[in-house]
Amino acid sequence: MKVRASVKKMCEFCRTVKRRGRVYVLCTSNPKHKQRQGISTFASEGTLPPVYASLLA
């Protein structure tokens, strides 16, 4: 699955679906056309462990 800022239909079989606040493009003919709109925010969530927090201070 490709994660992009802007998703577009790539062929006639692609369809746009909105689930859980995200826009997806799903394709029945070519699985390489699967796309999701947005960015991954896992790296920016939460706090740093004490070992790394002391290095940045």
PDB file of N, CA and C in Angstrom:
ATOM      1  N   MET A   1       0.840  -1.180   0.000  1.00  0.00           N
ATOM      2  CA  MET A   1       0.000   0.000   0.000  1.00  0.00           C
ATOM      3  C   MET A   1       0.883   1.241   0.000  1.00  0.00           C
ATOM      4  N   LYS A   2       0.545   2.162  -0.876  1.00  0.00           N
ATOM      5  CA  LYS A   2       1.273   3.421  -0.948  1.00  0.00           C
ATOM      6  C   LYS A   2       0.599   4.429  -0.019  1.00  0.00           C
ATOM      7  N   VAL A   3       1.387   5.214   0.703  1.00  0.00           N
ATOM      8  CA  VAL A   3       0.866   6.281   1.550  1.00  0.00           C
ATOM      9  C   VAL A   3       1.263   7.594   0.899  1.00  0.00           C
ATOM     10  N   ARG A   4       0.261   8.375   0.542  1.00  0.00           N
ATOM     11  CA  ARG A   4       0.501   9.606  -0.210  1.00  0.00           C
ATOM     12  C   ARG A   4      -0.295  10.763   0.357  1.00  0.00           C
ATOM     13  N   ALA A   5       0.164  11.973   0.043  1.00  0.00           N
ATOM     14  CA  ALA A   5      -0.571  13.169   0.439  1.00  0.00           C
ATOM     15  C   ALA A   5      -1.814  13.346  -0.426  1.00  0.00           C
ATOM     16  N   SER A   6      -1.720  12.920  -1.679  1.00  0.00           N
ATOM     17  CA  SER A   6      -2.840  13.039  -2.607  1.00  0.00           C
ATOM     18  C   SER A   6      -3.046  11.697  -3.304  1.00  0.00           C
ATOM     19  N   VAL A   7      -4.206  11.101  -3.118  1.00  0.00           N
ATOM     20  CA  VAL A   7      -4.492   9.811  -3.749  1.00  0.00           C
ATOM     21  C   VAL A   7      -5.365  10.032  -4.980  1.00  0.00           C
ATOM     22  N   LYS A   8      -5.099   9.246  -6.016  1.00  0.00           N
ATOM     23  CA  LYS A   8      -5.845   9.368  -7.270  1.00  0.00           C
ATOM     24  C   LYS A   8      -6.150   7.982  -7.804  1.00  0.00           C
ATOM     25  N   LYS A   9      -7.264   7.869  -8.497  1.00  0.00           N
ATOM     26  CA  LYS A   9      -7.592   6.613  -9.161  1.00  0.00           C
ATOM     27  C   LYS A   9      -6.633   6.412 -10.323  1.00  0.00           C
ATOM     28  N   MET A  10      -6.093   5.194 -10.446  1.00  0.00           N
ATOM     29  CA  MET A  10      -5.105   4.926 -11.485  1.00  0.00           C
ATOM     30  C   MET A  10      -5.700   4.196 -12.687  1.00  0.00           C
ATOM     31  N   CYS A  11      -6.862   3.552 -12.502  1.00  0.00           N
ATOM     32  CA  CYS A  11      -7.492   2.852 -13.619  1.00  0.00           C
ATOM     33  C   CYS A  11      -9.005   2.860 -13.414  1.00  0.00           C
ATOM     34  N   GLU A  12      -9.710   2.253 -14.319  1.00  0.00           N
ATOM     35  CA  GLU A  12     -11.177   2.262 -14.251  1.00  0.00           C
ATOM     36  C   GLU A  12     -11.723   1.392 -13.123  1.00  0.00           C
ATOM     37  N   PHE A  13     -10.917   0.460 -12.596  1.00  0.00           N
ATOM     38  CA  PHE A  13     -11.380  -0.440 -11.547  1.00  0.00           C
ATOM     39  C   PHE A  13     -11.089   0.083 -10.141  1.00  0.00           C
ATOM     40  N   CYS A  14     -10.328   1.159 -10.025  1.00  0.00           N
ATOM     41  CA  CYS A  14     -10.027   1.748  -8.717  1.00  0.00           C
ATOM     42  C   CYS A  14     -11.278   2.421  -8.166  1.00  0.00           C
ATOM     43  N   ARG A  15     -11.459   2.296  -6.849  1.00  0.00           N
ATOM     44  CA  ARG A  15     -12.580   2.985  -6.210  1.00  0.00           C
ATOM     45  C   ARG A  15     -12.097   3.679  -4.954  1.00  0.00           C
ATOM     46  N   THR A  16     -12.709   4.808  -4.647  1.00  0.00           N
ATOM     47  CA  THR A  16     -12.339   5.613  -3.496  1.00  0.00           C
ATOM     48  C   THR A  16     -13.248   5.264  -2.330  1.00  0.00           C
ATOM     49  N   VAL A  17     -12.632   5.028  -1.157  1.00  0.00           N
ATOM     50  CA  VAL A  17     -13.381   4.665   0.043  1.00  0.00           C
ATOM     51  C   VAL A  17     -12.877   5.525   1.188  1.00  0.00           C
ATOM     52  N   LYS A  18     -13.791   6.004   2.040  1.00  0.00           N
ATOM     53  CA  LYS A  18     -13.398   6.757   3.223  1.00  0.00           C
ATOM     54  C   LYS A  18     -13.724   5.922   4.448  1.00  0.00           C
ATOM     55  N   ARG A  19     -12.688   5.583   5.217  1.00  0.00           N
ATOM     56  CA  ARG A  19     -12.856   4.774   6.428  1.00  0.00           C
ATOM     57  C   ARG A  19     -12.068   5.408   7.567  1.00  0.00           C
ATOM     58  N   ARG A  20     -12.714   5.548   8.713  1.00  0.00           N
ATOM     59  CA  ARG A  20     -12.070   6.068   9.930  1.00  0.00           C
ATOM     60  C   ARG A  20     -11.348   7.392   9.688  1.00  0.00           C
ATOM     61  N   GLY A  21     -11.945   8.239   8.871  1.00  0.00           N
ATOM     62  CA  GLY A  21     -11.372   9.555   8.617  1.00  0.00           C
ATOM     63  C   GLY A  21     -10.220   9.577   7.632  1.00  0.00           C
ATOM     64  N   ARG A  22      -9.926   8.460   7.003  1.00  0.00           N
ATOM     65  CA  ARG A  22      -8.859   8.398   6.012  1.00  0.00           C
ATOM     66  C   ARG A  22      -9.439   8.029   4.660  1.00  0.00           C
ATOM     67  N   VAL A  23      -8.816   8.508   3.597  1.00  0.00           N
ATOM     68  CA  VAL A  23      -9.259   8.208   2.241  1.00  0.00           C
ATOM     69  C   VAL A  23      -8.369   7.107   1.675  1.00  0.00           C
ATOM     70  N   TYR A  24      -8.998   6.061   1.160  1.00  0.00           N
ATOM     71  CA  TYR A  24      -8.289   4.932   0.570  1.00  0.00           C
ATOM     72  C   TYR A  24      -8.689   4.797  -0.890  1.00  0.00           C
ATOM     73  N   VAL A  25      -7.772   4.277  -1.699  1.00  0.00           N
ATOM     74  CA  VAL A  25      -8.091   3.860  -3.061  1.00  0.00           C
ATOM     75  C   VAL A  25      -7.843   2.366  -3.119  1.00  0.00           C
ATOM     76  N   LEU A  26      -8.875   1.602  -3.451  1.00  0.00           N
ATOM     77  CA  LEU A  26      -8.781   0.152  -3.559  1.00  0.00           C
ATOM     78  C   LEU A  26      -9.035  -0.240  -5.001  1.00  0.00           C
ATOM     79  N   CYS A  27      -8.328  -1.258  -5.463  1.00  0.00           N
ATOM     80  CA  CYS A  27      -8.455  -1.674  -6.854  1.00  0.00           C
ATOM     81  C   CYS A  27      -8.689  -3.176  -6.922  1.00  0.00           C
ATOM     82  N   THR A  28      -9.665  -3.577  -7.718  1.00  0.00           N
ATOM     83  CA  THR A  28      -9.975  -5.001  -7.857  1.00  0.00           C
ATOM     84  C   THR A  28      -9.113  -5.678  -8.912  1.00  0.00           C
ATOM     85  N   SER A  29      -8.554  -4.898  -9.851  1.00  0.00           N
ATOM     86  CA  SER A  29      -7.782  -5.525 -10.927  1.00  0.00           C
ATOM     87  C   SER A  29      -6.282  -5.555 -10.647  1.00  0.00           C
ATOM     88  N   ASN A  30      -5.750  -4.524  -9.989  1.00  0.00           N
ATOM     89  CA  ASN A  30      -4.310  -4.454  -9.753  1.00  0.00           C
ATOM     90  C   ASN A  30      -4.039  -4.056  -8.303  1.00  0.00           C
ATOM     91  N   PRO A  31      -3.541  -4.976  -7.469  1.00  0.00           N
ATOM     92  CA  PRO A  31      -3.290  -4.661  -6.056  1.00  0.00           C
ATOM     93  C   PRO A  31      -2.233  -3.575  -5.850  1.00  0.00           C
ATOM     94  N   LYS A  32      -1.404  -3.314  -6.856  1.00  0.00           N
ATOM     95  CA  LYS A  32      -0.390  -2.266  -6.722  1.00  0.00           C
ATOM     96  C   LYS A  32      -1.004  -0.868  -6.697  1.00  0.00           C
ATOM     97  N   HIS A  33      -2.267  -0.747  -7.020  1.00  0.00           N
ATOM     98  CA  HIS A  33      -2.932   0.550  -7.031  1.00  0.00           C
ATOM     99  C   HIS A  33      -3.460   0.957  -5.658  1.00  0.00           C
ATOM    100  N   LYS A  34      -3.313   0.100  -4.635  1.00  0.00           N
ATOM    101  CA  LYS A  34      -3.818   0.438  -3.302  1.00  0.00           C
ATOM    102  C   LYS A  34      -3.072   1.646  -2.749  1.00  0.00           C
ATOM    103  N   GLN A  35      -3.852   2.615  -2.228  1.00  0.00           N
ATOM    104  CA  GLN A  35      -3.268   3.834  -1.674  1.00  0.00           C
ATOM    105  C   GLN A  35      -4.032   4.255  -0.433  1.00  0.00           C
ATOM    106  N   ARG A  36      -3.314   4.994   0.439  1.00  0.00           N
ATOM    107  CA  ARG A  36      -3.942   5.585   1.614  1.00  0.00           C
ATOM    108  C   ARG A  36      -3.473   7.022   1.707  1.00  0.00           C
ATOM    109  N   GLN A  37      -4.398   7.910   2.061  1.00  0.00           N
ATOM    110  CA  GLN A  37      -4.041   9.313   2.187  1.00  0.00           C
ATOM    111  C   GLN A  37      -3.649   9.613   3.620  1.00  0.00           C
ATOM    112  N   GLY A  38      -2.584  10.388   3.787  1.00  0.00           N
ATOM    113  CA  GLY A  38      -2.159  10.795   5.112  1.00  0.00           C
ATOM    114  C   GLY A  38      -0.709  10.467   5.362  1.00  0.00           C
ATOM    115  N   ILE A  39      -0.258  10.791   6.600  1.00  0.00           N
ATOM    116  CA  ILE A  39       1.117  10.506   6.989  1.00  0.00           C
ATOM    117  C   ILE A  39       1.112   9.658   8.242  1.00  0.00           C
ATOM    118  N   SER A  40       2.182   8.951   8.468  1.00  0.00           N
ATOM    119  CA  SER A  40       2.316   8.136   9.668  1.00  0.00           C
ATOM    120  C   SER A  40       2.814   9.014  10.802  1.00  0.00           C
ATOM    121  N   THR A  41       2.117   8.998  11.942  1.00  0.00           N
ATOM    122  CA  THR A  41       2.489   9.853  13.065  1.00  0.00           C
ATOM    123  C   THR A  41       2.992   9.055  14.254  1.00  0.00           C
ATOM    124  N   PHE A  42       3.355   7.796  14.047  1.00  0.00           N
ATOM    125  CA  PHE A  42       3.817   6.974  15.158  1.00  0.00           C
ATOM    126  C   PHE A  42       5.098   7.530  15.775  1.00  0.00           C
ATOM    127  N   ALA A  43       5.982   8.079  14.987  1.00  0.00           N
ATOM    128  CA  ALA A  43       7.260   8.570  15.493  1.00  0.00           C
ATOM    129  C   ALA A  43       7.083   9.801  16.374  1.00  0.00           C
ATOM    130  N   SER A  44       6.053  10.580  16.151  1.00  0.00           N
ATOM    131  CA  SER A  44       5.885  11.816  16.909  1.00  0.00           C
ATOM    132  C   SER A  44       4.965  11.657  18.116  1.00  0.00           C
ATOM    133  N   GLU A  45       4.385  10.502  18.321  1.00  0.00           N
ATOM    134  CA  GLU A  45       3.483  10.305  19.446  1.00  0.00           C
ATOM    135  C   GLU A  45       4.248   9.856  20.681  1.00  0.00           C
ATOM    136  N   GLY A  46       3.718  10.213  21.844  1.00  0.00           N
ATOM    137  CA  GLY A  46       4.294   9.734  23.096  1.00  0.00           C
ATOM    138  C   GLY A  46       5.495  10.546  23.544  1.00  0.00           C
ATOM    139  N   THR A  47       6.115  10.063  24.621  1.00  0.00           N
ATOM    140  CA  THR A  47       7.269  10.737  25.192  1.00  0.00           C
ATOM    141  C   THR A  47       8.513   9.895  24.985  1.00  0.00           C
ATOM    142  N   LEU A  48       9.652  10.526  25.152  1.00  0.00           N
ATOM    143  CA  LEU A  48      10.922   9.823  25.007  1.00  0.00           C
ATOM    144  C   LEU A  48      11.249   9.051  26.281  1.00  0.00           C
ATOM    145  N   PRO A  49      11.886   7.904  26.187  1.00  0.00           N
ATOM    146  CA  PRO A  49      12.359   7.203  27.380  1.00  0.00           C
ATOM    147  C   PRO A  49      13.393   8.061  28.103  1.00  0.00           C
ATOM    148  N   PRO A  50      13.579   7.872  29.416  1.00  0.00           N
ATOM    149  CA  PRO A  50      14.504   8.717  30.188  1.00  0.00           C
ATOM    150  C   PRO A  50      15.931   8.732  29.638  1.00  0.00           C
ATOM    151  N   VAL A  51      16.379   7.626  29.047  1.00  0.00           N
ATOM    152  CA  VAL A  51      17.744   7.568  28.516  1.00  0.00           C
ATOM    153  C   VAL A  51      17.929   8.598  27.409  1.00  0.00           C
ATOM    154  N   TYR A  52      16.972   8.687  26.491  1.00  0.00           N
ATOM    155  CA  TYR A  52      17.078   9.610  25.372  1.00  0.00           C
ATOM    156  C   TYR A  52      16.735  11.037  25.781  1.00  0.00           C
ATOM    157  N   ALA A  53      15.850  11.200  26.743  1.00  0.00           N
ATOM    158  CA  ALA A  53      15.475  12.534  27.196  1.00  0.00           C
ATOM    159  C   ALA A  53      16.673  13.238  27.825  1.00  0.00           C
ATOM    160  N   SER A  54      17.529  12.496  28.538  1.00  0.00           N
ATOM    161  CA  SER A  54      18.699  13.113  29.167  1.00  0.00           C
ATOM    162  C   SER A  54      19.733  13.533  28.120  1.00  0.00           C
ATOM    163  N   LEU A  55      19.787  12.849  26.987  1.00  0.00           N
ATOM    164  CA  LEU A  55      20.733  13.216  25.937  1.00  0.00           C
ATOM    165  C   LEU A  55      20.344  14.520  25.256  1.00  0.00           C
ATOM    166  N   LEU A  56      19.046  14.784  25.162  1.00  0.00           N
ATOM    167  CA  LEU A  56      18.573  15.985  24.487  1.00  0.00           C
ATOM    168  C   LEU A  56      18.586  17.210  25.390  1.00  0.00           C
ATOM    169  N   ALA A  57      18.622  17.010  26.696  1.00  0.00           N
ATOM    170  CA  ALA A  57      18.560  18.135  27.645  1.00  0.00           C
ATOM    171  C   ALA A  57      19.885  18.844  27.787  1.00  0.00           C
TER     172      ALA A  57
END
